[in-house]
Amino acid sequence: MELGAFSISLSVKDIQASKNFYKKLGFTVFGGDESQNWLILKNGEHTIGLFQGMFEGNILTFNPGWGQDAQPLEEFTDVREVQRQLKAQGVEMVSEADESTTGPASLVIVDPDGNSILIDQHV
């Protein structure tokens, strides 16, 4: 099962302060919209998302169909196939991708320690 690009989505209290902190670690703004309280930052192959007031807790994020450079991959495991494989292994879904659709979709699961995992396909 290929999950695609990996990043961590951080729930932050002050997006400006968090952006400034991560810039000190060598991250640069790659995407997002600070006026909407979300930014994507990169440092080489490492990606973090900063999200103010959008969700509680931090989220491990995977993007099927994207490489670490946020460019579409020619071949990838569709999020609906990932979902079928996870369900077959008894993994419970918090939210599910609509299996009657194609293209962008997402699902959310939670690991045994309560960490949310978002599998979010944009292509």
PDB file of N, CA and C in Angstrom:
ATOM      1  N   MET A   1       0.864  -1.169   0.000  1.00  0.00           N
ATOM      2  CA  MET A   1       0.000   0.000   0.000  1.00  0.00           C
ATOM      3  C   MET A   1       0.907   1.227   0.000  1.00  0.00           C
ATOM      4  N   GLU A   2       0.813   2.040  -1.022  1.00  0.00           N
ATOM      5  CA  GLU A   2       1.596   3.262  -1.151  1.00  0.00           C
ATOM      6  C   GLU A   2       0.732   4.430  -0.680  1.00  0.00           C
ATOM      7  N   LEU A   3       1.185   5.150   0.353  1.00  0.00           N
ATOM      8  CA  LEU A   3       0.400   6.235   0.936  1.00  0.00           C
ATOM      9  C   LEU A   3       0.724   7.604   0.373  1.00  0.00           C
ATOM     10  N   GLY A   4       1.783   7.737  -0.418  1.00  0.00           N
ATOM     11  CA  GLY A   4       2.119   9.026  -1.019  1.00  0.00           C
ATOM     12  C   GLY A   4       2.910   9.918  -0.092  1.00  0.00           C
ATOM     13  N   ALA A   5       2.899  11.195  -0.380  1.00  0.00           N
ATOM     14  CA  ALA A   5       3.676  12.183   0.366  1.00  0.00           C
ATOM     15  C   ALA A   5       3.264  12.185   1.831  1.00  0.00           C
ATOM     16  N   PHE A   6       4.229  12.422   2.711  1.00  0.00           N
ATOM     17  CA  PHE A   6       3.971  12.482   4.143  1.00  0.00           C
ATOM     18  C   PHE A   6       4.252  13.876   4.672  1.00  0.00           C
ATOM     19  N   SER A   7       3.404  14.323   5.571  1.00  0.00           N
ATOM     20  CA  SER A   7       3.648  15.571   6.304  1.00  0.00           C
ATOM     21  C   SER A   7       2.968  15.449   7.660  1.00  0.00           C
ATOM     22  N   ILE A   8       3.271  16.368   8.515  1.00  0.00           N
ATOM     23  CA  ILE A   8       2.561  16.455   9.786  1.00  0.00           C
ATOM     24  C   ILE A   8       1.806  17.772   9.781  1.00  0.00           C
ATOM     25  N   SER A   9       0.558  17.705  10.188  1.00  0.00           N
ATOM     26  CA  SER A   9      -0.289  18.895  10.267  1.00  0.00           C
ATOM     27  C   SER A   9      -0.368  19.301  11.731  1.00  0.00           C
ATOM     28  N   LEU A  10       0.150  20.478  12.032  1.00  0.00           N
ATOM     29  CA  LEU A  10       0.220  20.948  13.406  1.00  0.00           C
ATOM     30  C   LEU A  10      -0.901  21.937  13.706  1.00  0.00           C
ATOM     31  N   SER A  11      -1.592  21.685  14.792  1.00  0.00           N
ATOM     32  CA  SER A  11      -2.595  22.618  15.282  1.00  0.00           C
ATOM     33  C   SER A  11      -1.851  23.659  16.117  1.00  0.00           C
ATOM     34  N   VAL A  12      -1.817  24.895  15.633  1.00  0.00           N
ATOM     35  CA  VAL A  12      -1.026  25.935  16.292  1.00  0.00           C
ATOM     36  C   VAL A  12      -1.917  27.005  16.912  1.00  0.00           C
ATOM     37  N   LYS A  13      -1.392  27.660  17.933  1.00  0.00           N
ATOM     38  CA  LYS A  13      -2.133  28.724  18.621  1.00  0.00           C
ATOM     39  C   LYS A  13      -2.000  30.063  17.918  1.00  0.00           C
ATOM     40  N   ASP A  14      -0.808  30.308  17.337  1.00  0.00           N
ATOM     41  CA  ASP A  14      -0.520  31.593  16.699  1.00  0.00           C
ATOM     42  C   ASP A  14       0.276  31.298  15.434  1.00  0.00           C
ATOM     43  N   ILE A  15      -0.361  31.364  14.284  1.00  0.00           N
ATOM     44  CA  ILE A  15       0.280  30.959  13.033  1.00  0.00           C
ATOM     45  C   ILE A  15       1.517  31.800  12.724  1.00  0.00           C
ATOM     46  N   GLN A  16       1.482  33.083  13.044  1.00  0.00           N
ATOM     47  CA  GLN A  16       2.628  33.961  12.797  1.00  0.00           C
ATOM     48  C   GLN A  16       3.818  33.526  13.643  1.00  0.00           C
ATOM     49  N   ALA A  17       3.594  33.284  14.932  1.00  0.00           N
ATOM     50  CA  ALA A  17       4.673  32.847  15.822  1.00  0.00           C
ATOM     51  C   ALA A  17       5.223  31.494  15.380  1.00  0.00           C
ATOM     52  N   SER A  18       4.338  30.577  14.990  1.00  0.00           N
ATOM     53  CA  SER A  18       4.782  29.255  14.546  1.00  0.00           C
ATOM     54  C   SER A  18       5.565  29.349  13.248  1.00  0.00           C
ATOM     55  N   LYS A  19       5.093  30.161  12.314  1.00  0.00           N
ATOM     56  CA  LYS A  19       5.815  30.352  11.045  1.00  0.00           C
ATOM     57  C   LYS A  19       7.217  30.882  11.321  1.00  0.00           C
ATOM     58  N   ASN A  20       7.314  31.880  12.170  1.00  0.00           N
ATOM     59  CA  ASN A  20       8.619  32.469  12.490  1.00  0.00           C
ATOM     60  C   ASN A  20       9.546  31.451  13.158  1.00  0.00           C
ATOM     61  N   PHE A  21       9.003  30.615  14.041  1.00  0.00           N
ATOM     62  CA  PHE A  21       9.797  29.594  14.703  1.00  0.00           C
ATOM     63  C   PHE A  21      10.344  28.587  13.691  1.00  0.00           C
ATOM     64  N   TYR A  22       9.468  28.064  12.827  1.00  0.00           N
ATOM     65  CA  TYR A  22       9.912  27.042  11.872  1.00  0.00           C
ATOM     66  C   TYR A  22      10.841  27.614  10.803  1.00  0.00           C
ATOM     67  N   LYS A  23      10.722  28.901  10.517  1.00  0.00           N
ATOM     68  CA  LYS A  23      11.683  29.538   9.607  1.00  0.00           C
ATOM     69  C   LYS A  23      13.090  29.488  10.205  1.00  0.00           C
ATOM     70  N   LYS A  24      13.193  29.612  11.531  1.00  0.00           N
ATOM     71  CA  LYS A  24      14.495  29.517  12.199  1.00  0.00           C
ATOM     72  C   LYS A  24      15.104  28.129  12.045  1.00  0.00           C
ATOM     73  N   LEU A  25      14.267  27.117  11.816  1.00  0.00           N
ATOM     74  CA  LEU A  25      14.735  25.747  11.588  1.00  0.00           C
ATOM     75  C   LEU A  25      15.011  25.478  10.110  1.00  0.00           C
ATOM     76  N   GLY A  26      14.884  26.509   9.290  1.00  0.00           N
ATOM     77  CA  GLY A  26      15.187  26.367   7.868  1.00  0.00           C
ATOM     78  C   GLY A  26      13.998  26.072   6.981  1.00  0.00           C
ATOM     79  N   PHE A  27      12.789  26.106   7.522  1.00  0.00           N
ATOM     80  CA  PHE A  27      11.593  25.883   6.705  1.00  0.00           C
ATOM     81  C   PHE A  27      11.233  27.157   5.963  1.00  0.00           C
ATOM     82  N   THR A  28      10.687  27.012   4.766  1.00  0.00           N
ATOM     83  CA  THR A  28      10.190  28.143   3.995  1.00  0.00           C
ATOM     84  C   THR A  28       8.733  27.876   3.627  1.00  0.00           C
ATOM     85  N   VAL A  29       7.983  28.945   3.457  1.00  0.00           N
ATOM     86  CA  VAL A  29       6.572  28.811   3.088  1.00  0.00           C
ATOM     87  C   VAL A  29       6.490  28.263   1.666  1.00  0.00           C
ATOM     88  N   PHE A  30       5.722  27.193   1.510  1.00  0.00           N
ATOM     89  CA  PHE A  30       5.573  26.490   0.241  1.00  0.00           C
ATOM     90  C   PHE A  30       4.168  26.671  -0.333  1.00  0.00           C
ATOM     91  N   GLY A  31       3.209  26.870   0.538  1.00  0.00           N
ATOM     92  CA  GLY A  31       1.826  27.010   0.095  1.00  0.00           C
ATOM     93  C   GLY A  31       0.950  27.441   1.247  1.00  0.00           C
ATOM     94  N   GLY A  32      -0.336  27.509   0.977  1.00  0.00           N
ATOM     95  CA  GLY A  32      -1.294  27.894   1.998  1.00  0.00           C
ATOM     96  C   GLY A  32      -1.704  29.344   1.882  1.00  0.00           C
ATOM     97  N   ASP A  33      -2.417  29.815   2.894  1.00  0.00           N
ATOM     98  CA  ASP A  33      -2.920  31.180   2.919  1.00  0.00           C
ATOM     99  C   ASP A  33      -2.960  31.642   4.373  1.00  0.00           C
ATOM    100  N   GLU A  34      -1.986  32.431   4.736  1.00  0.00           N
ATOM    101  CA  GLU A  34      -1.893  32.878   6.130  1.00  0.00           C
ATOM    102  C   GLU A  34      -3.137  33.639   6.573  1.00  0.00           C
ATOM    103  N   SER A  35      -3.799  34.365   5.652  1.00  0.00           N
ATOM    104  CA  SER A  35      -5.012  35.099   6.021  1.00  0.00           C
ATOM    105  C   SER A  35      -6.160  34.148   6.363  1.00  0.00           C
ATOM    106  N   GLN A  36      -6.058  32.892   5.909  1.00  0.00           N
ATOM    107  CA  GLN A  36      -7.050  31.867   6.253  1.00  0.00           C
ATOM    108  C   GLN A  36      -6.544  30.956   7.372  1.00  0.00           C
ATOM    109  N   ASN A  37      -5.407  31.319   7.971  1.00  0.00           N
ATOM    110  CA  ASN A  37      -4.820  30.619   9.113  1.00  0.00           C
ATOM    111  C   ASN A  37      -4.287  29.227   8.796  1.00  0.00           C
ATOM    112  N   TRP A  38      -3.717  29.049   7.584  1.00  0.00           N
ATOM    113  CA  TRP A  38      -3.039  27.791   7.291  1.00  0.00           C
ATOM    114  C   TRP A  38      -1.880  28.031   6.336  1.00  0.00           C
ATOM    115  N   LEU A  39      -0.774  27.333   6.589  1.00  0.00           N
ATOM    116  CA  LEU A  39       0.427  27.427   5.765  1.00  0.00           C
ATOM    117  C   LEU A  39       1.061  26.050   5.624  1.00  0.00           C
ATOM    118  N   ILE A  40       1.710  25.820   4.496  1.00  0.00           N
ATOM    119  CA  ILE A  40       2.506  24.623   4.270  1.00  0.00           C
ATOM    120  C   ILE A  40       3.956  25.080   4.173  1.00  0.00           C
ATOM    121  N   LEU A  41       4.828  24.458   4.944  1.00  0.00           N
ATOM    122  CA  LEU A  41       6.240  24.815   4.957  1.00  0.00           C
ATOM    123  C   LEU A  41       7.076  23.600   4.588  1.00  0.00           C
ATOM    124  N   LYS A  42       8.209  23.861   3.916  1.00  0.00           N
ATOM    125  CA  LYS A  42       9.111  22.786   3.515  1.00  0.00           C
ATOM    126  C   LYS A  42      10.533  23.103   3.924  1.00  0.00           C
ATOM    127  N   ASN A  43      11.257  22.047   4.219  1.00  0.00           N
ATOM    128  CA  ASN A  43      12.694  22.102   4.450  1.00  0.00           C
ATOM    129  C   ASN A  43      13.228  20.854   3.763  1.00  0.00           C
ATOM    130  N   GLY A  44      13.745  21.001   2.562  1.00  0.00           N
ATOM    131  CA  GLY A  44      14.158  19.839   1.778  1.00  0.00           C
ATOM    132  C   GLY A  44      12.953  18.954   1.489  1.00  0.00           C
ATOM    133  N   GLU A  45      13.042  17.683   1.844  1.00  0.00           N
ATOM    134  CA  GLU A  45      11.945  16.734   1.629  1.00  0.00           C
ATOM    135  C   GLU A  45      10.908  16.766   2.747  1.00  0.00           C
ATOM    136  N   HIS A  46      11.166  17.551   3.797  1.00  0.00           N
ATOM    137  CA  HIS A  46      10.284  17.565   4.971  1.00  0.00           C
ATOM    138  C   HIS A  46       9.205  18.623   4.823  1.00  0.00           C
ATOM    139  N   THR A  47       7.977  18.228   5.128  1.00  0.00           N
ATOM    140  CA  THR A  47       6.834  19.125   4.984  1.00  0.00           C
ATOM    141  C   THR A  47       6.034  19.159   6.274  1.00  0.00           C
ATOM    142  N   ILE A  48       5.672  20.365   6.706  1.00  0.00           N
ATOM    143  CA  ILE A  48       4.764  20.526   7.832  1.00  0.00           C
ATOM    144  C   ILE A  48       3.667  21.498   7.414  1.00  0.00           C
ATOM    145  N   GLY A  49       2.492  21.279   7.958  1.00  0.00           N
ATOM    146  CA  GLY A  49       1.386  22.200   7.781  1.00  0.00           C
ATOM    147  C   GLY A  49       1.100  22.876   9.109  1.00  0.00           C
ATOM    148  N   LEU A  50       0.855  24.161   9.079  1.00  0.00           N
ATOM    149  CA  LEU A  50       0.476  24.916  10.272  1.00  0.00           C
ATOM    150  C   LEU A  50      -0.983  25.333  10.110  1.00  0.00           C
ATOM    151  N   PHE A  51      -1.807  24.978  11.080  1.00  0.00           N
ATOM    152  CA  PHE A  51      -3.242  25.240  10.998  1.00  0.00           C
ATOM    153  C   PHE A  51      -3.708  25.838  12.319  1.00  0.00           C
ATOM    154  N   GLN A  52      -4.182  27.073  12.262  1.00  0.00           N
ATOM    155  CA  GLN A  52      -4.660  27.750  13.462  1.00  0.00           C
ATOM    156  C   GLN A  52      -6.179  27.690  13.509  1.00  0.00           C
ATOM    157  N   GLY A  53      -6.716  27.099  14.579  1.00  0.00           N
ATOM    158  CA  GLY A  53      -8.160  27.084  14.805  1.00  0.00           C
ATOM    159  C   GLY A  53      -8.947  26.164  13.899  1.00  0.00           C
ATOM    160  N   MET A  54      -8.317  25.207  13.233  1.00  0.00           N
ATOM    161  CA  MET A  54      -9.030  24.340  12.294  1.00  0.00           C
ATOM    162  C   MET A  54      -9.331  22.960  12.856  1.00  0.00           C
ATOM    163  N   PHE A  55      -8.510  22.469  13.772  1.00  0.00           N
ATOM    164  CA  PHE A  55      -8.723  21.163  14.379  1.00  0.00           C
ATOM    165  C   PHE A  55      -7.925  21.094  15.668  1.00  0.00           C
ATOM    166  N   GLU A  56      -8.266  20.119  16.500  1.00  0.00           N
ATOM    167  CA  GLU A  56      -7.539  19.911  17.746  1.00  0.00           C
ATOM    168  C   GLU A  56      -6.504  18.826  17.553  1.00  0.00           C
ATOM    169  N   GLY A  57      -5.369  18.973  18.186  1.00  0.00           N
ATOM    170  CA  GLY A  57      -4.332  17.953  18.103  1.00  0.00           C
ATOM    171  C   GLY A  57      -3.602  18.000  16.772  1.00  0.00           C
ATOM    172  N   ASN A  58      -2.516  17.254  16.710  1.00  0.00           N
ATOM    173  CA  ASN A  58      -1.715  17.175  15.494  1.00  0.00           C
ATOM    174  C   ASN A  58      -2.135  15.959  14.687  1.00  0.00           C
ATOM    175  N   ILE A  59      -1.916  16.006  13.386  1.00  0.00           N
ATOM    176  CA  ILE A  59      -2.381  14.945  12.490  1.00  0.00           C
ATOM    177  C   ILE A  59      -1.239  14.510  11.585  1.00  0.00           C
ATOM    178  N   LEU A  60      -1.032  13.199  11.502  1.00  0.00           N
ATOM    179  CA  LEU A  60      -0.126  12.645  10.497  1.00  0.00           C
ATOM    180  C   LEU A  60      -0.899  12.651   9.185  1.00  0.00           C
ATOM    181  N   THR A  61      -0.316  13.188   8.129  1.00  0.00           N
ATOM    182  CA  THR A  61      -1.022  13.336   6.858  1.00  0.00           C
ATOM    183  C   THR A  61      -0.270  12.631   5.743  1.00  0.00           C
ATOM    184  N   PHE A  62      -1.003  11.857   4.951  1.00  0.00           N
ATOM    185  CA  PHE A  62      -0.470  11.197   3.764  1.00  0.00           C
ATOM    186  C   PHE A  62      -1.308  11.637   2.572  1.00  0.00           C
ATOM    187  N   ASN A  63      -0.648  11.842   1.425  1.00  0.00           N
ATOM    188  CA  ASN A  63      -1.338  12.293   0.216  1.00  0.00           C
ATOM    189  C   ASN A  63      -1.107  11.313  -0.931  1.00  0.00           C
ATOM    190  N   PRO A  64      -1.995  10.315  -1.076  1.00  0.00           N
ATOM    191  CA  PRO A  64      -1.870   9.420  -2.221  1.00  0.00           C
ATOM    192  C   PRO A  64      -1.902  10.214  -3.524  1.00  0.00           C
ATOM    193  N   GLY A  65      -1.048   9.835  -4.456  1.00  0.00           N
ATOM    194  CA  GLY A  65      -1.020  10.510  -5.752  1.00  0.00           C
ATOM    195  C   GLY A  65      -0.036  11.654  -5.828  1.00  0.00           C
ATOM    196  N   TRP A  66       0.582  12.008  -4.703  1.00  0.00           N
ATOM    197  CA  TRP A  66       1.571  13.082  -4.669  1.00  0.00           C
ATOM    198  C   TRP A  66       2.912  12.538  -4.218  1.00  0.00           C
ATOM    199  N   GLY A  67       3.987  13.050  -4.825  1.00  0.00           N
ATOM    200  CA  GLY A  67       5.325  12.811  -4.319  1.00  0.00           C
ATOM    201  C   GLY A  67       5.631  13.846  -3.249  1.00  0.00           C
ATOM    202  N   GLN A  68       6.779  13.736  -2.596  1.00  0.00           N
ATOM    203  CA  GLN A  68       7.151  14.683  -1.543  1.00  0.00           C
ATOM    204  C   GLN A  68       7.277  16.109  -2.071  1.00  0.00           C
ATOM    205  N   ASP A  69       7.397  16.275  -3.392  1.00  0.00           N
ATOM    206  CA  ASP A  69       7.477  17.609  -3.982  1.00  0.00           C
ATOM    207  C   ASP A  69       6.104  18.176  -4.331  1.00  0.00           C
ATOM    208  N   ALA A  70       5.037  17.490  -3.867  1.00  0.00           N
ATOM    209  CA  ALA A  70       3.640  17.902  -4.108  1.00  0.00           C
ATOM    210  C   ALA A  70       3.284  17.886  -5.587  1.00  0.00           C
ATOM    211  N   GLN A  71       3.982  17.062  -6.353  1.00  0.00           N
ATOM    212  CA  GLN A  71       3.668  16.892  -7.771  1.00  0.00           C
ATOM    213  C   GLN A  71       2.949  15.558  -7.956  1.00  0.00           C
ATOM    214  N   PRO A  72       1.988  15.502  -8.875  1.00  0.00           N
ATOM    215  CA  PRO A  72       1.242  14.259  -9.094  1.00  0.00           C
ATOM    216  C   PRO A  72       2.153  13.113  -9.552  1.00  0.00           C
ATOM    217  N   LEU A  73       1.837  11.921  -9.052  1.00  0.00           N
ATOM    218  CA  LEU A  73       2.540  10.707  -9.457  1.00  0.00           C
ATOM    219  C   LEU A  73       1.764  10.036 -10.586  1.00  0.00           C
ATOM    220  N   GLU A  74       2.468   9.398 -11.501  1.00  0.00           N
ATOM    221  CA  GLU A  74       1.788   8.699 -12.590  1.00  0.00           C
ATOM    222  C   GLU A  74       1.018   7.493 -12.080  1.00  0.00           C
ATOM    223  N   GLU A  75       1.610   6.753 -11.134  1.00  0.00           N
ATOM    224  CA  GLU A  75       0.954   5.581 -10.567  1.00  0.00           C
ATOM    225  C   GLU A  75       0.914   5.715  -9.056  1.00  0.00           C
ATOM    226  N   PHE A  76      -0.226   5.352  -8.462  1.00  0.00           N
ATOM    227  CA  PHE A  76      -0.362   5.417  -7.010  1.00  0.00           C
ATOM    228  C   PHE A  76      -1.553   4.572  -6.580  1.00  0.00           C
ATOM    229  N   THR A  77      -1.608   4.271  -5.299  1.00  0.00           N
ATOM    230  CA  THR A  77      -2.737   3.546  -4.726  1.00  0.00           C
ATOM    231  C   THR A  77      -3.823   4.550  -4.379  1.00  0.00           C
ATOM    232  N   ASP A  78      -4.974   4.436  -5.010  1.00  0.00           N
ATOM    233  CA  ASP A  78      -6.098   5.333  -4.766  1.00  0.00           C
ATOM    234  C   ASP A  78      -6.547   5.227  -3.309  1.00  0.00           C
ATOM    235  N   VAL A  79      -6.981   6.344  -2.735  1.00  0.00           N
ATOM    236  CA  VAL A  79      -7.411   6.380  -1.336  1.00  0.00           C
ATOM    237  C   VAL A  79      -8.525   5.364  -1.065  1.00  0.00           C
ATOM    238  N   ARG A  80      -9.394   5.104  -2.043  1.00  0.00           N
ATOM    239  CA  ARG A  80     -10.474   4.138  -1.835  1.00  0.00           C
ATOM    240  C   ARG A  80      -9.919   2.718  -1.714  1.00  0.00           C
ATOM    241  N   GLU A  81      -8.837   2.424  -2.455  1.00  0.00           N
ATOM    242  CA  GLU A  81      -8.181   1.116  -2.335  1.00  0.00           C
ATOM    243  C   GLU A  81      -7.474   1.009  -0.993  1.00  0.00           C
ATOM    244  N   VAL A  82      -6.827   2.072  -0.560  1.00  0.00           N
ATOM    245  CA  VAL A  82      -6.214   2.097   0.768  1.00  0.00           C
ATOM    246  C   VAL A  82      -7.287   1.800   1.818  1.00  0.00           C
ATOM    247  N   GLN A  83      -8.432   2.460   1.685  1.00  0.00           N
ATOM    248  CA  GLN A  83      -9.546   2.266   2.614  1.00  0.00           C
ATOM    249  C   GLN A  83      -9.996   0.813   2.630  1.00  0.00           C
ATOM    250  N   ARG A  84     -10.165   0.187   1.466  1.00  0.00           N
ATOM    251  CA  ARG A  84     -10.586  -1.222   1.396  1.00  0.00           C
ATOM    252  C   ARG A  84      -9.579  -2.120   2.100  1.00  0.00           C
ATOM    253  N   GLN A  85      -8.285  -1.860   1.876  1.00  0.00           N
ATOM    254  CA  GLN A  85      -7.249  -2.680   2.499  1.00  0.00           C
ATOM    255  C   GLN A  85      -7.239  -2.510   4.020  1.00  0.00           C
ATOM    256  N   LEU A  86      -7.401  -1.284   4.482  1.00  0.00           N
ATOM    257  CA  LEU A  86      -7.430  -1.039   5.922  1.00  0.00           C
ATOM    258  C   LEU A  86      -8.649  -1.699   6.571  1.00  0.00           C
ATOM    259  N   LYS A  87      -9.810  -1.561   5.944  1.00  0.00           N
ATOM    260  CA  LYS A  87     -11.021  -2.188   6.476  1.00  0.00           C
ATOM    261  C   LYS A  87     -10.874  -3.705   6.526  1.00  0.00           C
ATOM    262  N   ALA A  88     -10.249  -4.287   5.503  1.00  0.00           N
ATOM    263  CA  ALA A  88     -10.044  -5.740   5.464  1.00  0.00           C
ATOM    264  C   ALA A  88      -9.161  -6.206   6.624  1.00  0.00           C
ATOM    265  N   GLN A  89      -8.334  -5.288   7.134  1.00  0.00           N
ATOM    266  CA  GLN A  89      -7.472  -5.613   8.267  1.00  0.00           C
ATOM    267  C   GLN A  89      -8.113  -5.224   9.606  1.00  0.00           C
ATOM    268  N   GLY A  90      -9.363  -4.777   9.570  1.00  0.00           N
ATOM    269  CA  GLY A  90     -10.087  -4.454  10.787  1.00  0.00           C
ATOM    270  C   GLY A  90      -9.856  -3.057  11.333  1.00  0.00           C
ATOM    271  N   VAL A  91      -9.266  -2.179  10.527  1.00  0.00           N
ATOM    272  CA  VAL A  91      -9.030  -0.803  10.983  1.00  0.00           C
ATOM    273  C   VAL A  91     -10.349  -0.032  10.891  1.00  0.00           C
ATOM    274  N   GLU A  92     -10.730   0.603  12.001  1.00  0.00           N
ATOM    275  CA  GLU A  92     -11.972   1.377  12.030  1.00  0.00           C
ATOM    276  C   GLU A  92     -11.750   2.768  11.451  1.00  0.00           C
ATOM    277  N   MET A  93     -12.720   3.240  10.706  1.00  0.00           N
ATOM    278  CA  MET A  93     -12.666   4.553  10.078  1.00  0.00           C
ATOM    279  C   MET A  93     -13.388   5.585  10.954  1.00  0.00           C
ATOM    280  N   VAL A  94     -12.784   6.769  11.090  1.00  0.00           N
ATOM    281  CA  VAL A  94     -13.450   7.903  11.722  1.00  0.00           C
ATOM    282  C   VAL A  94     -14.297   8.600  10.665  1.00  0.00           C
ATOM    283  N   SER A  95     -13.713   8.756   9.475  1.00  0.00           N
ATOM    284  CA  SER A  95     -14.463   9.235   8.312  1.00  0.00           C
ATOM    285  C   SER A  95     -13.959   8.449   7.112  1.00  0.00           C
ATOM    286  N   GLU A  96     -14.815   8.316   6.109  1.00  0.00           N
ATOM    287  CA  GLU A  96     -14.502   7.464   4.969  1.00  0.00           C
ATOM    288  C   GLU A  96     -14.583   8.217   3.649  1.00  0.00           C
ATOM    289  N   ALA A  97     -13.821   7.705   2.684  1.00  0.00           N
ATOM    290  CA  ALA A  97     -13.926   8.178   1.306  1.00  0.00           C
ATOM    291  C   ALA A  97     -15.166   7.527   0.692  1.00  0.00           C
ATOM    292  N   ASP A  98     -15.873   8.266  -0.133  1.00  0.00           N
ATOM    293  CA  ASP A  98     -17.047   7.734  -0.832  1.00  0.00           C
ATOM    294  C   ASP A  98     -16.560   6.807  -1.939  1.00  0.00           C
ATOM    295  N   GLU A  99     -16.841   5.529  -1.801  1.00  0.00           N
ATOM    296  CA  GLU A  99     -16.338   4.530  -2.749  1.00  0.00           C
ATOM    297  C   GLU A  99     -17.016   4.607  -4.114  1.00  0.00           C
ATOM    298  N   SER A 100     -18.082   5.393  -4.224  1.00  0.00           N
ATOM    299  CA  SER A 100     -18.766   5.514  -5.521  1.00  0.00           C
ATOM    300  C   SER A 100     -18.164   6.630  -6.376  1.00  0.00           C
ATOM    301  N   THR A 101     -17.136   7.306  -5.855  1.00  0.00           N
ATOM    302  CA  THR A 101     -16.532   8.428  -6.574  1.00  0.00           C
ATOM    303  C   THR A 101     -15.132   8.078  -7.051  1.00  0.00           C
ATOM    304  N   THR A 102     -14.566   8.973  -7.837  1.00  0.00           N
ATOM    305  CA  THR A 102     -13.161   8.887  -8.237  1.00  0.00           C
ATOM    306  C   THR A 102     -12.530  10.249  -7.965  1.00  0.00           C
ATOM    307  N   GLY A 103     -11.204  10.309  -8.021  1.00  0.00           N
ATOM    308  CA  GLY A 103     -10.510  11.585  -7.818  1.00  0.00           C
ATOM    309  C   GLY A 103     -10.331  11.920  -6.352  1.00  0.00           C
ATOM    310  N   PRO A 104     -10.293  13.210  -6.035  1.00  0.00           N
ATOM    311  CA  PRO A 104     -10.019  13.638  -4.668  1.00  0.00           C
ATOM    312  C   PRO A 104     -10.996  13.049  -3.645  1.00  0.00           C
ATOM    313  N   ALA A 105     -10.445  12.602  -2.531  1.00  0.00           N
ATOM    314  CA  ALA A 105     -11.237  12.046  -1.431  1.00  0.00           C
ATOM    315  C   ALA A 105     -10.299  11.860  -0.245  1.00  0.00           C
ATOM    316  N   SER A 106     -10.875  11.624   0.921  1.00  0.00           N
ATOM    317  CA  SER A 106     -10.036  11.433   2.104  1.00  0.00           C
ATOM    318  C   SER A 106     -10.703  10.489   3.088  1.00  0.00           C
ATOM    319  N   LEU A 107      -9.882  10.012   4.012  1.00  0.00           N
ATOM    320  CA  LEU A 107     -10.362   9.207   5.129  1.00  0.00           C
ATOM    321  C   LEU A 107      -9.552   9.577   6.352  1.00  0.00           C
ATOM    322  N   VAL A 108     -10.103   9.286   7.516  1.00  0.00           N
ATOM    323  CA  VAL A 108      -9.402   9.539   8.768  1.00  0.00           C
ATOM    324  C   VAL A 108      -9.493   8.283   9.620  1.00  0.00           C
ATOM    325  N   ILE A 109      -8.344   7.900  10.198  1.00  0.00           N
ATOM    326  CA  ILE A 109      -8.279   6.814  11.163  1.00  0.00           C
ATOM    327  C   ILE A 109      -7.528   7.333  12.388  1.00  0.00           C
ATOM    328  N   VAL A 110      -7.558   6.564  13.470  1.00  0.00           N
ATOM    329  CA  VAL A 110      -6.857   6.954  14.693  1.00  0.00           C
ATOM    330  C   VAL A 110      -6.016   5.762  15.134  1.00  0.00           C
ATOM    331  N   ASP A 111      -4.753   6.031  15.475  1.00  0.00           N
ATOM    332  CA  ASP A 111      -3.876   4.944  15.920  1.00  0.00           C
ATOM    333  C   ASP A 111      -4.186   4.582  17.375  1.00  0.00           C
ATOM    334  N   PRO A 112      -3.591   3.507  17.897  1.00  0.00           N
ATOM    335  CA  PRO A 112      -3.911   3.066  19.256  1.00  0.00           C
ATOM    336  C   PRO A 112      -3.622   4.090  20.348  1.00  0.00           C
ATOM    337  N   ASP A 113      -2.789   5.092  20.061  1.00  0.00           N
ATOM    338  CA  ASP A 113      -2.471   6.123  21.042  1.00  0.00           C
ATOM    339  C   ASP A 113      -3.303   7.388  20.884  1.00  0.00           C
ATOM    340  N   GLY A 114      -4.279   7.347  19.979  1.00  0.00           N
ATOM    341  CA  GLY A 114      -5.160   8.493  19.797  1.00  0.00           C
ATOM    342  C   GLY A 114      -4.686   9.517  18.788  1.00  0.00           C
ATOM    343  N   ASN A 115      -3.620   9.201  18.033  1.00  0.00           N
ATOM    344  CA  ASN A 115      -3.125  10.122  17.005  1.00  0.00           C
ATOM    345  C   ASN A 115      -3.971   9.981  15.743  1.00  0.00           C
ATOM    346  N   SER A 116      -4.454  11.095  15.243  1.00  0.00           N
ATOM    347  CA  SER A 116      -5.242  11.079  14.011  1.00  0.00           C
ATOM    348  C   SER A 116      -4.330  10.927  12.807  1.00  0.00           C
ATOM    349  N   ILE A 117      -4.801  10.153  11.834  1.00  0.00           N
ATOM    350  CA  ILE A 117      -4.090   9.963  10.570  1.00  0.00           C
ATOM    351  C   ILE A 117      -5.058  10.302   9.447  1.00  0.00           C
ATOM    352  N   LEU A 118      -4.698  11.310   8.657  1.00  0.00           N
ATOM    353  CA  LEU A 118      -5.493  11.754   7.528  1.00  0.00           C
ATOM    354  C   LEU A 118      -4.850  11.238   6.254  1.00  0.00           C
ATOM    355  N   ILE A 119      -5.618  10.524   5.464  1.00  0.00           N
ATOM    356  CA  ILE A 119      -5.143  10.100   4.136  1.00  0.00           C
ATOM    357  C   ILE A 119      -5.989  10.897   3.154  1.00  0.00           C
ATOM    358  N   ASP A 120      -5.342  11.886   2.543  1.00  0.00           N
ATOM    359  CA  ASP A 120      -6.030  12.950   1.809  1.00  0.00           C
ATOM    360  C   ASP A 120      -5.507  13.011   0.378  1.00  0.00           C
ATOM    361  N   GLN A 121      -6.297  12.485  -0.536  1.00  0.00           N
ATOM    362  CA  GLN A 121      -5.913  12.445  -1.952  1.00  0.00           C
ATOM    363  C   GLN A 121      -6.427  13.674  -2.664  1.00  0.00           C
ATOM    364  N   HIS A 122      -5.543  14.406  -3.343  1.00  0.00           N
ATOM    365  CA  HIS A 122      -5.917  15.637  -4.039  1.00  0.00           C
ATOM    366  C   HIS A 122      -6.062  15.449  -5.546  1.00  0.00           C
ATOM    367  N   VAL A 123      -5.679  14.300  -6.075  1.00  0.00           N
ATOM    368  CA  VAL A 123      -5.733  14.068  -7.523  1.00  0.00           C
ATOM    369  C   VAL A 123      -6.754  13.005  -7.871  1.00  0.00           C
TER     370      VAL A 123
END
